[in-house]
N, C-alpha and C. Protein backbone atom coordinates (compact mmCIF):
# COMPACT_ATOMS: atom_id res chain seq x y z
N MET A 1 -67.68 149.33 108.89
CA MET A 1 -67.43 148.45 108.89
C MET A 1 -68.41 147.33 108.27
N ILE A 2 -68.57 145.63 108.08
CA ILE A 2 -69.45 145.21 108.00
C ILE A 2 -69.53 144.59 109.55
N ASP A 3 -70.84 144.31 110.36
CA ASP A 3 -70.72 143.25 111.27
C ASP A 3 -71.09 141.67 110.26
N ASN A 4 -69.82 141.39 111.13
CA ASN A 4 -69.94 139.79 110.44
C ASN A 4 -70.81 138.79 111.52
N SER A 5 -71.29 139.01 112.24
CA SER A 5 -72.11 138.36 112.95
C SER A 5 -73.13 137.34 112.36
N ASP A 6 -73.17 136.18 113.14
CA ASP A 6 -74.34 135.29 111.88
C ASP A 6 -75.73 135.50 112.25
N SER A 7 -76.25 136.19 111.27
CA SER A 7 -77.61 137.00 111.26
C SER A 7 -78.73 136.04 110.94
N SER A 8 -77.81 134.73 110.66
CA SER A 8 -78.90 133.63 110.73
C SER A 8 -79.51 133.04 111.80
N ARG A 9 -78.85 133.05 112.47
CA ARG A 9 -79.18 132.69 114.07
C ARG A 9 -79.84 133.63 114.65
N ARG A 10 -81.40 133.76 114.29
CA ARG A 10 -82.69 134.34 114.95
C ARG A 10 -82.66 134.27 116.62
N LYS A 11 -83.39 135.11 117.11
CA LYS A 11 -83.66 135.23 118.66
C LYS A 11 -84.97 134.62 118.45
N PRO A 12 -85.59 133.45 119.25
CA PRO A 12 -86.60 133.58 119.43
C PRO A 12 -87.95 134.31 119.76
N SER A 13 -88.95 134.70 118.74
CA SER A 13 -89.82 135.85 118.75
C SER A 13 -90.58 135.49 120.60
N PRO A 14 -90.08 136.87 121.29
CA PRO A 14 -91.48 136.57 122.25
C PRO A 14 -92.33 136.55 122.26
N LEU A 15 -92.71 136.19 121.26
CA LEU A 15 -94.58 136.11 121.23
C LEU A 15 -94.61 134.26 120.50
N SER A 16 -93.64 133.59 121.05
CA SER A 16 -93.87 132.37 120.36
C SER A 16 -94.64 131.47 121.17
N GLY A 17 -95.47 130.20 120.77
CA GLY A 17 -95.95 129.64 121.56
C GLY A 17 -97.01 129.89 122.05
N GLU A 18 -97.91 129.46 123.36
CA GLU A 18 -98.82 130.11 123.56
C GLU A 18 -99.54 131.45 123.36
N ALA A 19 -98.42 132.15 124.49
CA ALA A 19 -98.30 133.60 124.40
C ALA A 19 -98.50 134.22 122.60
N GLY A 20 -98.24 133.92 121.74
CA GLY A 20 -98.35 134.00 120.76
C GLY A 20 -99.65 133.94 120.00
N LEU A 21 -100.02 132.71 120.24
CA LEU A 21 -100.91 132.44 119.80
C LEU A 21 -102.55 133.34 120.32
N GLU A 22 -102.10 133.48 122.24
CA GLU A 22 -103.38 134.25 122.72
C GLU A 22 -103.46 135.24 121.99
N GLU A 23 -102.07 136.10 121.83
CA GLU A 23 -101.97 137.47 120.92
C GLU A 23 -102.71 137.51 119.80
N ALA A 24 -102.27 136.60 118.91
CA ALA A 24 -103.04 136.72 117.61
C ALA A 24 -104.43 136.21 118.07
N ARG A 25 -105.03 135.47 118.80
CA ARG A 25 -106.57 135.38 118.78
C ARG A 25 -107.25 136.86 119.42
N LEU A 26 -106.47 137.63 120.41
CA LEU A 26 -106.89 138.68 120.63
C LEU A 26 -106.73 139.75 119.50
N ARG A 27 -105.53 139.83 118.85
CA ARG A 27 -105.72 140.52 117.64
C ARG A 27 -106.95 140.50 116.58
N GLN A 28 -107.11 139.51 116.67
CA GLN A 28 -108.45 138.80 115.42
C GLN A 28 -109.64 139.14 116.06
N GLN A 29 -109.88 139.18 117.64
CA GLN A 29 -110.96 139.72 117.86
C GLN A 29 -111.29 141.18 117.67
N ALA A 30 -110.19 141.89 118.20
CA ALA A 30 -110.42 143.21 117.97
C ALA A 30 -110.83 143.52 116.69
N ILE A 31 -109.89 142.80 115.85
CA ILE A 31 -110.04 143.50 114.26
C ILE A 31 -112.18 142.74 113.76
N GLY A 32 -112.43 142.06 114.46
CA GLY A 32 -113.64 141.39 114.05
C GLY A 32 -114.74 142.26 114.78
N VAL A 33 -114.56 142.51 115.84
CA VAL A 33 -115.05 143.52 116.89
C VAL A 33 -115.64 145.16 115.51
N LYS A 34 -114.36 145.59 115.51
CA LYS A 34 -113.97 146.63 114.81
C LYS A 34 -114.94 146.60 113.14
N LEU A 35 -114.46 145.81 112.44
CA LEU A 35 -115.56 145.30 111.43
C LEU A 35 -116.75 145.31 111.53
N ARG A 36 -117.24 145.01 112.80
CA ARG A 36 -119.29 144.57 112.98
C ARG A 36 -119.18 145.55 113.27
N HIS A 37 -118.71 146.70 113.94
CA HIS A 37 -119.03 148.29 114.50
C HIS A 37 -118.76 149.01 113.24
N LEU A 38 -117.94 148.79 112.11
CA LEU A 38 -118.16 149.74 111.10
C LEU A 38 -119.55 149.08 110.36
N PHE A 39 -119.66 147.95 110.45
CA PHE A 39 -120.95 147.39 109.24
C PHE A 39 -121.82 147.83 109.76
N ASP A 40 -122.15 147.86 110.98
CA ASP A 40 -123.06 148.25 111.71
C ASP A 40 -123.28 149.88 111.86
N GLU A 41 -122.59 150.48 111.42
CA GLU A 41 -122.28 152.07 110.90
C GLU A 41 -123.28 152.17 109.46
N VAL A 42 -122.36 151.45 108.66
CA VAL A 42 -123.08 151.14 107.15
C VAL A 42 -123.99 151.11 106.66
N VAL A 43 -124.72 150.05 107.77
CA VAL A 43 -126.14 149.51 107.72
C VAL A 43 -126.95 150.41 107.85
N ASN A 44 -126.82 151.17 109.11
CA ASN A 44 -127.82 152.12 109.53
C ASN A 44 -127.61 153.37 109.02
N GLU A 45 -126.86 153.59 107.77
CA GLU A 45 -126.70 155.16 107.00
C GLU A 45 -128.37 155.14 106.53
N PRO A 46 -128.64 156.62 106.37
CA PRO A 46 -129.91 156.28 105.49
C PRO A 46 -129.45 156.08 103.75
N VAL A 47 -130.46 155.07 103.32
CA VAL A 47 -130.55 155.68 101.90
C VAL A 47 -130.53 157.12 101.06
N PRO A 48 -129.79 157.28 100.17
CA PRO A 48 -129.56 158.86 99.63
C PRO A 48 -130.73 158.54 98.98
N ASP A 49 -131.71 160.23 98.79
CA ASP A 49 -132.39 159.95 97.87
C ASP A 49 -132.69 159.75 96.76
N GLU A 50 -131.26 160.33 95.95
CA GLU A 50 -131.14 160.10 94.42
C GLU A 50 -131.35 158.66 94.34
N PHE A 51 -130.41 157.46 95.27
CA PHE A 51 -130.81 156.23 94.78
C PHE A 51 -132.25 155.63 95.01
N LEU A 52 -133.09 156.25 95.80
CA LEU A 52 -134.55 155.48 96.56
C LEU A 52 -135.44 156.36 94.80
N ALA A 53 -134.72 157.29 94.19
CA ALA A 53 -135.44 157.65 93.29
C ALA A 53 -134.91 156.85 91.79
N ILE A 54 -134.05 156.24 92.35
CA ILE A 54 -133.86 154.95 90.90
C ILE A 54 -134.95 154.30 91.00
N LEU A 55 -134.63 153.40 92.93
CA LEU A 55 -135.29 152.30 92.88
C LEU A 55 -136.23 152.58 92.53
N ARG A 56 -137.46 153.80 92.64
CA ARG A 56 -138.97 153.79 92.47
C ARG A 56 -138.99 153.62 90.88
N SER A 57 -138.13 154.44 89.93
CA SER A 57 -138.14 154.36 88.87
C SER A 57 -137.87 152.40 88.18
N ALA A 58 -137.23 152.41 88.79
CA ALA A 58 -136.53 150.78 88.22
C ALA A 58 -138.36 149.96 88.64
N ASP A 59 -139.01 150.24 90.03
CA ASP A 59 -140.07 149.48 90.18
C ASP A 59 -141.35 150.16 89.27
N GLU A 60 -141.25 151.37 88.85
CA GLU A 60 -142.47 151.62 88.13
C GLU A 60 -142.37 150.98 87.07
N LYS A 61 -141.06 150.72 86.34
CA LYS A 61 -140.84 150.50 84.63
C LYS A 61 -141.21 148.90 85.14
N ALA A 62 -140.77 148.22 85.97
CA ALA A 62 -140.91 146.57 86.34
C ALA A 62 -142.77 146.71 86.10
N ALA A 63 -143.39 147.26 87.00
CA ALA A 63 -145.14 147.12 87.23
C ALA A 63 -145.49 147.35 85.61
N GLY A 64 -144.49 148.45 84.68
CA GLY A 64 -145.28 148.81 83.21
C GLY A 64 -145.23 147.56 82.29
N ASP A 65 -143.78 146.98 82.45
CA ASP A 65 -143.62 145.78 81.57
C ASP A 65 -144.40 144.70 82.14
N LYS A 66 -144.76 144.44 83.32
CA LYS A 66 -145.63 143.05 83.72
C LYS A 66 -147.13 143.75 83.16
N ASP A 67 -147.45 144.70 82.91
CA ASP A 67 -149.03 145.42 83.04
C ASP A 67 -149.30 144.97 80.93
N GLY A 68 -148.06 145.04 80.56
CA GLY A 68 -147.74 145.12 78.94
C GLY A 68 -147.72 143.67 78.75
N GLU A 69 -147.59 142.53 79.43
CA GLU A 69 -147.68 141.44 78.86
C GLU A 69 -149.00 140.92 78.72
């Protein structure tokens, strides 16, 4: 059987008002902390040797192009 109760009347969220705002702020702070931690990990990773070789090659080519001008 279908429940015919008025579903348009929603109960107020237990996180409404000041408590909801505070929880949202805390959640945003936690996300920010985790993002900063992840960013720091990525920044501190070593650069792969293959990428360094590509950069060196590009630098040498750029230096050679300047000498030919």
